[in-house]
PDB file of N, CA and C in Angstrom:
ATOM      1  N   MET A   1      -6.626   8.414  10.981  1.00  0.00           N
ATOM      2  CA  MET A   1      -7.290   7.977   9.779  1.00  0.00           C
ATOM      3  C   MET A   1      -8.605   7.353  10.196  1.00  0.00           C
ATOM      4  N   SER A   2      -9.629   7.555   9.378  1.00  0.00           N
ATOM      5  CA  SER A   2     -10.953   7.036   9.683  1.00  0.00           C
ATOM      6  C   SER A   2     -11.512   6.307   8.465  1.00  0.00           C
ATOM      7  N   LEU A   3     -12.159   5.178   8.712  1.00  0.00           N
ATOM      8  CA  LEU A   3     -12.796   4.394   7.660  1.00  0.00           C
ATOM      9  C   LEU A   3     -14.030   3.742   8.256  1.00  0.00           C
ATOM     10  N   TYR A   4     -15.186   3.982   7.626  1.00  0.00           N
ATOM     11  CA  TYR A   4     -16.458   3.426   8.115  1.00  0.00           C
ATOM     12  C   TYR A   4     -16.711   3.749   9.581  1.00  0.00           C
ATOM     13  N   GLY A   5     -16.315   4.923   9.995  1.00  0.00           N
ATOM     14  CA  GLY A   5     -16.543   5.349  11.364  1.00  0.00           C
ATOM     15  C   GLY A   5     -15.523   4.842  12.368  1.00  0.00           C
ATOM     16  N   LYS A   6     -14.624   3.961  11.947  1.00  0.00           N
ATOM     17  CA  LYS A   6     -13.552   3.486  12.820  1.00  0.00           C
ATOM     18  C   LYS A   6     -12.348   4.376  12.619  1.00  0.00           C
ATOM     19  N   GLU A   7     -11.663   4.677  13.711  1.00  0.00           N
ATOM     20  CA  GLU A   7     -10.468   5.509  13.623  1.00  0.00           C
ATOM     21  C   GLU A   7      -9.252   4.744  14.111  1.00  0.00           C
ATOM     22  N   VAL A   8      -8.124   5.086  13.529  1.00  0.00           N
ATOM     23  CA  VAL A   8      -6.856   4.517  13.968  1.00  0.00           C
ATOM     24  C   VAL A   8      -5.836   5.653  13.972  1.00  0.00           C
ATOM     25  N   GLY A   9      -5.051   5.689  15.027  1.00  0.00           N
ATOM     26  CA  GLY A   9      -3.999   6.707  15.122  1.00  0.00           C
ATOM     27  C   GLY A   9      -2.740   6.245  14.416  1.00  0.00           C
ATOM     28  N   ILE A  10      -2.144   7.157  13.679  1.00  0.00           N
ATOM     29  CA  ILE A  10      -0.898   6.866  12.981  1.00  0.00           C
ATOM     30  C   ILE A  10       0.165   7.806  13.545  1.00  0.00           C
ATOM     31  N   PRO A  11       1.287   7.273  14.010  1.00  0.00           N
ATOM     32  CA  PRO A  11       2.349   8.134  14.540  1.00  0.00           C
ATOM     33  C   PRO A  11       2.834   9.119  13.482  1.00  0.00           C
ATOM     34  N   SER A  12       3.194  10.296  13.931  1.00  0.00           N
ATOM     35  CA  SER A  12       3.586  11.357  12.999  1.00  0.00           C
ATOM     36  C   SER A  12       4.748  10.947  12.102  1.00  0.00           C
ATOM     37  N   ASN A  13       5.648  10.103  12.595  1.00  0.00           N
ATOM     38  CA  ASN A  13       6.777   9.699  11.768  1.00  0.00           C
ATOM     39  C   ASN A  13       6.369   8.737  10.649  1.00  0.00           C
ATOM     40  N   GLN A  14       5.146   8.196  10.683  1.00  0.00           N
ATOM     41  CA  GLN A  14       4.678   7.300   9.636  1.00  0.00           C
ATOM     42  C   GLN A  14       3.604   7.933   8.751  1.00  0.00           C
ATOM     43  N   VAL A  15       3.093   9.089   9.157  1.00  0.00           N
ATOM     44  CA  VAL A  15       2.031   9.747   8.394  1.00  0.00           C
ATOM     45  C   VAL A  15       2.504  10.111   6.990  1.00  0.00           C
ATOM     46  N   LEU A  16       3.720  10.648   6.861  1.00  0.00           N
ATOM     47  CA  LEU A  16       4.216  11.049   5.541  1.00  0.00           C
ATOM     48  C   LEU A  16       4.339   9.857   4.599  1.00  0.00           C
ATOM     49  N   LEU A  17       4.796   8.738   5.112  1.00  0.00           N
ATOM     50  CA  LEU A  17       4.885   7.526   4.295  1.00  0.00           C
ATOM     51  C   LEU A  17       3.499   7.078   3.849  1.00  0.00           C
ATOM     52  N   LEU A  18       2.558   7.061   4.774  1.00  0.00           N
ATOM     53  CA  LEU A  18       1.192   6.650   4.449  1.00  0.00           C
ATOM     54  C   LEU A  18       0.567   7.577   3.419  1.00  0.00           C
ATOM     55  N   GLU A  19       0.694   8.876   3.617  1.00  0.00           N
ATOM     56  CA  GLU A  19       0.136   9.839   2.662  1.00  0.00           C
ATOM     57  C   GLU A  19       0.778   9.687   1.285  1.00  0.00           C
ATOM     58  N   TYR A  20       2.063   9.446   1.246  1.00  0.00           N
ATOM     59  CA  TYR A  20       2.749   9.270  -0.033  1.00  0.00           C
ATOM     60  C   TYR A  20       2.199   8.061  -0.783  1.00  0.00           C
ATOM     61  N   LEU A  21       2.000   6.967  -0.072  1.00  0.00           N
ATOM     62  CA  LEU A  21       1.419   5.774  -0.705  1.00  0.00           C
ATOM     63  C   LEU A  21      -0.006   6.039  -1.177  1.00  0.00           C
ATOM     64  N   MET A  22      -0.789   6.741  -0.374  1.00  0.00           N
ATOM     65  CA  MET A  22      -2.170   7.036  -0.737  1.00  0.00           C
ATOM     66  C   MET A  22      -2.250   7.913  -1.990  1.00  0.00           C
ATOM     67  N   ARG A  23      -1.322   8.817  -2.114  1.00  0.00           N
ATOM     68  CA  ARG A  23      -1.339   9.738  -3.254  1.00  0.00           C
ATOM     69  C   ARG A  23      -0.769   9.110  -4.527  1.00  0.00           C
ATOM     70  N   HIS A  24      -0.198   7.928  -4.417  1.00  0.00           N
ATOM     71  CA  HIS A  24       0.356   7.216  -5.566  1.00  0.00           C
ATOM     72  C   HIS A  24      -0.210   5.790  -5.621  1.00  0.00           C
ATOM     73  N   PRO A  25      -1.514   5.662  -5.872  1.00  0.00           N
ATOM     74  CA  PRO A  25      -2.142   4.334  -5.826  1.00  0.00           C
ATOM     75  C   PRO A  25      -1.618   3.373  -6.890  1.00  0.00           C
ATOM     76  N   GLU A  26      -0.901   3.893  -7.896  1.00  0.00           N
ATOM     77  CA  GLU A  26      -0.328   3.020  -8.918  1.00  0.00           C
ATOM     78  C   GLU A  26       0.889   2.263  -8.393  1.00  0.00           C
ATOM     79  N   GLY A  27       1.441   2.737  -7.287  1.00  0.00           N
ATOM     80  CA  GLY A  27       2.581   2.074  -6.665  1.00  0.00           C
ATOM     81  C   GLY A  27       3.819   2.951  -6.656  1.00  0.00           C
ATOM     82  N   VAL A  28       4.707   2.665  -5.706  1.00  0.00           N
ATOM     83  CA  VAL A  28       5.941   3.418  -5.543  1.00  0.00           C
ATOM     84  C   VAL A  28       7.078   2.425  -5.344  1.00  0.00           C
ATOM     85  N   ARG A  29       8.156   2.634  -6.058  1.00  0.00           N
ATOM     86  CA  ARG A  29       9.319   1.752  -5.921  1.00  0.00           C
ATOM     87  C   ARG A  29       9.996   1.980  -4.568  1.00  0.00           C
ATOM     88  N   ARG A  30      10.540   0.920  -4.005  1.00  0.00           N
ATOM     89  CA  ARG A  30      11.231   1.008  -2.715  1.00  0.00           C
ATOM     90  C   ARG A  30      12.342   2.058  -2.737  1.00  0.00           C
ATOM     91  N   GLU A  31      13.108   2.085  -3.822  1.00  0.00           N
ATOM     92  CA  GLU A  31      14.223   3.037  -3.915  1.00  0.00           C
ATOM     93  C   GLU A  31      13.732   4.484  -3.826  1.00  0.00           C
ATOM     94  N   GLU A  32      12.576   4.758  -4.425  1.00  0.00           N
ATOM     95  CA  GLU A  32      12.027   6.109  -4.380  1.00  0.00           C
ATOM     96  C   GLU A  32      11.623   6.481  -2.957  1.00  0.00           C
ATOM     97  N   ILE A  33      10.983   5.554  -2.260  1.00  0.00           N
ATOM     98  CA  ILE A  33      10.583   5.815  -0.873  1.00  0.00           C
ATOM     99  C   ILE A  33      11.818   6.026  -0.001  1.00  0.00           C
ATOM    100  N   ILE A  34      12.817   5.200  -0.196  1.00  0.00           N
ATOM    101  CA  ILE A  34      14.045   5.322   0.595  1.00  0.00           C
ATOM    102  C   ILE A  34      14.685   6.683   0.362  1.00  0.00           C
ATOM    103  N   GLN A  35      14.752   7.114  -0.881  1.00  0.00           N
ATOM    104  CA  GLN A  35      15.354   8.419  -1.181  1.00  0.00           C
ATOM    105  C   GLN A  35      14.580   9.565  -0.540  1.00  0.00           C
ATOM    106  N   ARG A  36      13.262   9.438  -0.488  1.00  0.00           N
ATOM    107  CA  ARG A  36      12.433  10.516   0.058  1.00  0.00           C
ATOM    108  C   ARG A  36      12.344  10.489   1.584  1.00  0.00           C
ATOM    109  N   ARG A  37      12.378   9.308   2.196  1.00  0.00           N
ATOM    110  CA  ARG A  37      12.074   9.213   3.622  1.00  0.00           C
ATOM    111  C   ARG A  37      13.171   8.591   4.490  1.00  0.00           C
ATOM    112  N   PHE A  38      13.979   7.697   3.949  1.00  0.00           N
ATOM    113  CA  PHE A  38      14.852   6.892   4.809  1.00  0.00           C
ATOM    114  C   PHE A  38      16.327   6.925   4.429  1.00  0.00           C
ATOM    115  N   ARG A  39      16.738   7.824   3.549  1.00  0.00           N
ATOM    116  CA  ARG A  39      18.138   7.810   3.107  1.00  0.00           C
ATOM    117  C   ARG A  39      19.109   8.135   4.234  1.00  0.00           C
ATOM    118  N   GLN A  40      18.646   8.803   5.264  1.00  0.00           N
ATOM    119  CA  GLN A  40      19.519   9.136   6.398  1.00  0.00           C
ATOM    120  C   GLN A  40      19.630   7.999   7.406  1.00  0.00           C
ATOM    121  N   SER A  41      18.815   6.967   7.245  1.00  0.00           N
ATOM    122  CA  SER A  41      18.832   5.839   8.180  1.00  0.00           C
ATOM    123  C   SER A  41      20.114   5.023   8.030  1.00  0.00           C
ATOM    124  N   ARG A  42      20.511   4.413   9.099  1.00  0.00           N
ATOM    125  CA  ARG A  42      21.695   3.552   9.071  1.00  0.00           C
ATOM    126  C   ARG A  42      21.469   2.354   8.154  1.00  0.00           C
ATOM    127  N   ASP A  43      20.248   1.802   8.185  1.00  0.00           N
ATOM    128  CA  ASP A  43      19.876   0.678   7.325  1.00  0.00           C
ATOM    129  C   ASP A  43      18.534   1.020   6.673  1.00  0.00           C
ATOM    130  N   PRO A  44      18.552   1.752   5.554  1.00  0.00           N
ATOM    131  CA  PRO A  44      17.322   2.257   4.939  1.00  0.00           C
ATOM    132  C   PRO A  44      16.316   1.170   4.558  1.00  0.00           C
ATOM    133  N   GLU A  45      16.783   0.063   4.006  1.00  0.00           N
ATOM    134  CA  GLU A  45      15.873  -1.029   3.612  1.00  0.00           C
ATOM    135  C   GLU A  45      15.127  -1.556   4.831  1.00  0.00           C
ATOM    136  N   SER A  46      15.855  -1.787   5.902  1.00  0.00           N
ATOM    137  CA  SER A  46      15.252  -2.290   7.132  1.00  0.00           C
ATOM    138  C   SER A  46      14.273  -1.277   7.721  1.00  0.00           C
ATOM    139  N   ALA A  47      14.635   0.001   7.697  1.00  0.00           N
ATOM    140  CA  ALA A  47      13.749   1.048   8.225  1.00  0.00           C
ATOM    141  C   ALA A  47      12.449   1.098   7.439  1.00  0.00           C
ATOM    142  N   LEU A  48      12.534   0.989   6.125  1.00  0.00           N
ATOM    143  CA  LEU A  48      11.333   0.991   5.299  1.00  0.00           C
ATOM    144  C   LEU A  48      10.460  -0.223   5.608  1.00  0.00           C
ATOM    145  N   ARG A  49      11.050  -1.409   5.632  1.00  0.00           N
ATOM    146  CA  ARG A  49      10.278  -2.628   5.928  1.00  0.00           C
ATOM    147  C   ARG A  49       9.606  -2.541   7.293  1.00  0.00           C
ATOM    148  N   GLN A  50      10.326  -2.040   8.284  1.00  0.00           N
ATOM    149  CA  GLN A  50       9.782  -1.918   9.631  1.00  0.00           C
ATOM    150  C   GLN A  50       8.604  -0.941   9.656  1.00  0.00           C
ATOM    151  N   ASN A  51       8.716   0.184   8.970  1.00  0.00           N
ATOM    152  CA  ASN A  51       7.624   1.154   8.930  1.00  0.00           C
ATOM    153  C   ASN A  51       6.413   0.609   8.195  1.00  0.00           C
ATOM    154  N   ILE A  52       6.625  -0.106   7.112  1.00  0.00           N
ATOM    155  CA  ILE A  52       5.506  -0.726   6.384  1.00  0.00           C
ATOM    156  C   ILE A  52       4.817  -1.754   7.279  1.00  0.00           C
ATOM    157  N   ARG A  53       5.594  -2.567   7.967  1.00  0.00           N
ATOM    158  CA  ARG A  53       5.028  -3.585   8.864  1.00  0.00           C
ATOM    159  C   ARG A  53       4.193  -2.928   9.977  1.00  0.00           C
ATOM    160  N   ARG A  54       4.696  -1.863  10.557  1.00  0.00           N
ATOM    161  CA  ARG A  54       3.964  -1.171  11.623  1.00  0.00           C
ATOM    162  C   ARG A  54       2.679  -0.523  11.095  1.00  0.00           C
ATOM    163  N   LEU A  55       2.757   0.085   9.915  1.00  0.00           N
ATOM    164  CA  LEU A  55       1.547   0.671   9.322  1.00  0.00           C
ATOM    165  C   LEU A  55       0.496  -0.400   9.041  1.00  0.00           C
ATOM    166  N   ARG A  56       0.927  -1.503   8.480  1.00  0.00           N
ATOM    167  CA  ARG A  56      -0.015  -2.607   8.204  1.00  0.00           C
ATOM    168  C   ARG A  56      -0.693  -3.073   9.482  1.00  0.00           C
ATOM    169  N   ALA A  57       0.064  -3.192  10.551  1.00  0.00           N
ATOM    170  CA  ALA A  57      -0.500  -3.647  11.828  1.00  0.00           C
ATOM    171  C   ALA A  57      -1.548  -2.663  12.341  1.00  0.00           C
ATOM    172  N   ARG A  58      -1.289  -1.377  12.235  1.00  0.00           N
ATOM    173  CA  ARG A  58      -2.258  -0.367  12.691  1.00  0.00           C
ATOM    174  C   ARG A  58      -3.509  -0.375  11.821  1.00  0.00           C
ATOM    175  N   LEU A  59      -3.330  -0.462  10.514  1.00  0.00           N
ATOM    176  CA  LEU A  59      -4.462  -0.405   9.596  1.00  0.00           C
ATOM    177  C   LEU A  59      -5.334  -1.652   9.652  1.00  0.00           C
ATOM    178  N   GLU A  60      -4.775  -2.752  10.095  1.00  0.00           N
ATOM    179  CA  GLU A  60      -5.537  -3.993  10.191  1.00  0.00           C
ATOM    180  C   GLU A  60      -6.744  -3.841  11.111  1.00  0.00           C
ATOM    181  N   GLY A  61      -6.651  -2.943  12.082  1.00  0.00           N
ATOM    182  CA  GLY A  61      -7.769  -2.710  12.989  1.00  0.00           C
ATOM    183  C   GLY A  61      -8.987  -2.094  12.316  1.00  0.00           C
ATOM    184  N   LEU A  62      -8.786  -1.447  11.177  1.00  0.00           N
ATOM    185  CA  LEU A  62      -9.916  -0.847  10.458  1.00  0.00           C
ATOM    186  C   LEU A  62     -10.757  -1.900   9.747  1.00  0.00           C
ATOM    187  N   VAL A  63     -10.114  -2.753   9.005  1.00  0.00           N
ATOM    188  CA  VAL A  63     -10.797  -3.833   8.280  1.00  0.00           C
ATOM    189  C   VAL A  63      -9.889  -5.057   8.354  1.00  0.00           C
ATOM    190  N   PRO A  64     -10.159  -5.949   9.313  1.00  0.00           N
ATOM    191  CA  PRO A  64      -9.313  -7.140   9.439  1.00  0.00           C
ATOM    192  C   PRO A  64      -9.271  -7.927   8.130  1.00  0.00           C
ATOM    193  N   LEU A  65      -8.126  -8.468   7.841  1.00  0.00           N
ATOM    194  CA  LEU A  65      -7.862  -9.291   6.660  1.00  0.00           C
ATOM    195  C   LEU A  65      -7.856  -8.515   5.348  1.00  0.00           C
ATOM    196  N   HIS A  66      -7.950  -7.193   5.404  1.00  0.00           N
ATOM    197  CA  HIS A  66      -7.830  -6.383   4.187  1.00  0.00           C
ATOM    198  C   HIS A  66      -6.400  -5.868   4.113  1.00  0.00           C
ATOM    199  N   GLU A  67      -5.762  -6.086   2.986  1.00  0.00           N
ATOM    200  CA  GLU A  67      -4.381  -5.647   2.815  1.00  0.00           C
ATOM    201  C   GLU A  67      -4.376  -4.237   2.233  1.00  0.00           C
ATOM    202  N   PHE A  68      -4.270  -3.229   3.089  1.00  0.00           N
ATOM    203  CA  PHE A  68      -4.271  -1.840   2.645  1.00  0.00           C
ATOM    204  C   PHE A  68      -2.995  -1.487   1.885  1.00  0.00           C
ATOM    205  N   ILE A  69      -1.870  -2.011   2.336  1.00  0.00           N
ATOM    206  CA  ILE A  69      -0.588  -1.747   1.676  1.00  0.00           C
ATOM    207  C   ILE A  69      -0.129  -3.054   1.052  1.00  0.00           C
ATOM    208  N   GLN A  70      -0.112  -3.063  -0.279  1.00  0.00           N
ATOM    209  CA  GLN A  70       0.296  -4.259  -0.999  1.00  0.00           C
ATOM    210  C   GLN A  70       1.775  -4.171  -1.359  1.00  0.00           C
ATOM    211  N   THR A  71       2.431  -5.327  -1.321  1.00  0.00           N
ATOM    212  CA  THR A  71       3.788  -5.425  -1.828  1.00  0.00           C
ATOM    213  C   THR A  71       3.668  -5.744  -3.307  1.00  0.00           C
ATOM    214  N   ILE A  72       4.313  -4.926  -4.123  1.00  0.00           N
ATOM    215  CA  ILE A  72       4.326  -5.166  -5.564  1.00  0.00           C
ATOM    216  C   ILE A  72       5.771  -5.368  -5.989  1.00  0.00           C
ATOM    217  N   ASP A  73       5.976  -5.786  -7.192  1.00  0.00           N
ATOM    218  CA  ASP A  73       7.327  -6.022  -7.679  1.00  0.00           C
ATOM    219  C   ASP A  73       8.156  -4.750  -7.575  1.00  0.00           C
ATOM    220  N   GLY A  74       9.080  -4.726  -6.656  1.00  0.00           N
ATOM    221  CA  GLY A  74       9.968  -3.584  -6.506  1.00  0.00           C
ATOM    222  C   GLY A  74       9.469  -2.476  -5.609  1.00  0.00           C
ATOM    223  N   GLY A  75       8.313  -2.650  -4.959  1.00  0.00           N
ATOM    224  CA  GLY A  75       7.821  -1.570  -4.116  1.00  0.00           C
ATOM    225  C   GLY A  75       6.527  -1.889  -3.397  1.00  0.00           C
ATOM    226  N   TYR A  76       5.749  -0.834  -3.171  1.00  0.00           N
ATOM    227  CA  TYR A  76       4.504  -0.945  -2.422  1.00  0.00           C
ATOM    228  C   TYR A  76       3.437  -0.080  -3.088  1.00  0.00           C
ATOM    229  N   ARG A  77       2.181  -0.416  -2.812  1.00  0.00           N
ATOM    230  CA  ARG A  77       1.095   0.445  -3.285  1.00  0.00           C
ATOM    231  C   ARG A  77      -0.063   0.397  -2.309  1.00  0.00           C
ATOM    232  N   TRP A  78      -0.789   1.496  -2.286  1.00  0.00           N
ATOM    233  CA  TRP A  78      -1.994   1.636  -1.476  1.00  0.00           C
ATOM    234  C   TRP A  78      -3.107   0.895  -2.195  1.00  0.00           C
ATOM    235  N   ASN A  79      -3.814   0.053  -1.485  1.00  0.00           N
ATOM    236  CA  ASN A  79      -4.835  -0.791  -2.084  1.00  0.00           C
ATOM    237  C   ASN A  79      -6.161  -0.584  -1.370  1.00  0.00           C
ATOM    238  N   THR A  80      -6.956   0.331  -1.862  1.00  0.00           N
ATOM    239  CA  THR A  80      -8.298   0.456  -1.309  1.00  0.00           C
ATOM    240  C   THR A  80      -9.196   1.197  -2.272  1.00  0.00           C
ATOM    241  N   LEU A  81     -10.432   0.804  -2.274  1.00  0.00           N
ATOM    242  CA  LEU A  81     -11.459   1.504  -3.027  1.00  0.00           C
ATOM    243  C   LEU A  81     -12.400   2.198  -2.071  1.00  0.00           C
ATOM    244  N   HIS A  82     -12.081   2.118  -0.788  1.00  0.00           N
ATOM    245  CA  HIS A  82     -12.923   2.692   0.244  1.00  0.00           C
ATOM    246  C   HIS A  82     -12.686   4.187   0.369  1.00  0.00           C
ATOM    247  N   GLU A  83     -13.722   4.909   0.756  1.00  0.00           N
ATOM    248  CA  GLU A  83     -13.556   6.320   1.084  1.00  0.00           C
ATOM    249  C   GLU A  83     -12.909   6.397   2.459  1.00  0.00           C
ATOM    250  N   TYR A  84     -11.973   7.279   2.605  1.00  0.00           N
ATOM    251  CA  TYR A  84     -11.317   7.438   3.890  1.00  0.00           C
ATOM    252  C   TYR A  84     -11.003   8.901   4.111  1.00  0.00           C
ATOM    253  N   ARG A  85     -10.720   9.243   5.354  1.00  0.00           N
ATOM    254  CA  ARG A  85     -10.385  10.617   5.712  1.00  0.00           C
ATOM    255  C   ARG A  85      -9.100  10.605   6.505  1.00  0.00           C
ATOM    256  N   MET A  86      -8.272  11.592   6.235  1.00  0.00           N
ATOM    257  CA  MET A  86      -7.047  11.777   7.006  1.00  0.00           C
ATOM    258  C   MET A  86      -7.254  12.953   7.941  1.00  0.00           C
ATOM    259  N   PHE A  87      -6.823  12.811   9.166  1.00  0.00           N
ATOM    260  CA  PHE A  87      -6.891  13.872  10.163  1.00  0.00           C
ATOM    261  C   PHE A  87      -5.467  14.202  10.566  1.00  0.00           C
ATOM    262  N   LYS A  88      -5.194  15.452  10.760  1.00  0.00           N
ATOM    263  CA  LYS A  88      -3.876  15.860  11.226  1.00  0.00           C
ATOM    264  C   LYS A  88      -4.037  16.572  12.559  1.00  0.00           C
ATOM    265  N   HIS A  89      -3.177  16.231  13.485  1.00  0.00           N
ATOM    266  CA  HIS A  89      -3.191  16.854  14.812  1.00  0.00           C
ATOM    267  C   HIS A  89      -4.560  16.732  15.471  1.00  0.00           C
ATOM    268  N   SER A  90      -5.202  15.592  15.289  1.00  0.00           N
ATOM    269  CA  SER A  90      -6.496  15.278  15.911  1.00  0.00           C
ATOM    270  C   SER A  90      -7.621  16.213  15.495  1.00  0.00           C
ATOM    271  N   ARG A  91      -7.486  16.859  14.367  1.00  0.00           N
ATOM    272  CA  ARG A  91      -8.585  17.677  13.869  1.00  0.00           C
ATOM    273  C   ARG A  91      -8.655  17.503  12.359  1.00  0.00           C
ATOM    274  N   ASP A  92      -9.860  17.578  11.830  1.00  0.00           N
ATOM    275  CA  ASP A  92     -10.062  17.434  10.399  1.00  0.00           C
ATOM    276  C   ASP A  92      -9.565  18.701   9.713  1.00  0.00           C
ATOM    277  N   VAL A  93      -8.674  18.552   8.759  1.00  0.00           N
ATOM    278  CA  VAL A  93      -8.194  19.700   8.014  1.00  0.00           C
ATOM    279  C   VAL A  93      -8.601  19.567   6.546  1.00  0.00           C
ATOM    280  N   SER A  94      -9.721  18.878   6.345  1.00  0.00           N
ATOM    281  CA  SER A  94     -10.293  18.695   5.010  1.00  0.00           C
ATOM    282  C   SER A  94      -9.316  18.064   4.033  1.00  0.00           C
ATOM    283  N   THR A  95      -8.614  17.074   4.494  1.00  0.00           N
ATOM    284  CA  THR A  95      -7.731  16.313   3.613  1.00  0.00           C
ATOM    285  C   THR A  95      -8.458  15.037   3.220  1.00  0.00           C
ATOM    286  N   ASP A  96      -9.574  15.180   2.566  1.00  0.00           N
ATOM    287  CA  ASP A  96     -10.353  14.030   2.117  1.00  0.00           C
ATOM    288  C   ASP A  96      -9.772  13.533   0.807  1.00  0.00           C
ATOM    289  N   LEU A  97      -9.503  12.251   0.729  1.00  0.00           N
ATOM    290  CA  LEU A  97      -9.020  11.651  -0.499  1.00  0.00           C
ATOM    291  C   LEU A  97      -9.973  10.536  -0.871  1.00  0.00           C
ATOM    292  N   LEU A  98     -10.412  10.509  -2.109  1.00  0.00           N
ATOM    293  CA  LEU A  98     -11.256   9.440  -2.602  1.00  0.00           C
ATOM    294  C   LEU A  98     -10.492   8.713  -3.680  1.00  0.00           C
ATOM    295  N   LEU A  99     -10.383   7.429  -3.560  1.00  0.00           N
ATOM    296  CA  LEU A  99      -9.695   6.623  -4.567  1.00  0.00           C
ATOM    297  C   LEU A  99     -10.729   5.858  -5.376  1.00  0.00           C
ATOM    298  N   ASP A 100     -10.529   5.805  -6.667  1.00  0.00           N
ATOM    299  CA  ASP A 100     -11.425   5.030  -7.537  1.00  0.00           C
ATOM    300  C   ASP A 100     -10.999   3.602  -7.565  1.00  0.00           C
TER     301      ASP A 100
END
């Protein structure tokens, strides 16, 4: 992921979660994320919290003190008005997303 010329690598196992949040800026309930990504986990709630925590830590390097992933009542939402680009497999595949 790139923002203002800074890049941060996101592990492939967290890319789907990040993209899902980005594509639903209005927010996503925890239960929905668990059903889509973590239902096979031994402790789905813990797996989700751990992945959110790791994503937040990686994204903090782009803009310190900016909360990219917000906790909302019952879930999470992507919080940015910045233009950003997603790269897959270290190459741009024109997955540009602009959020208003």
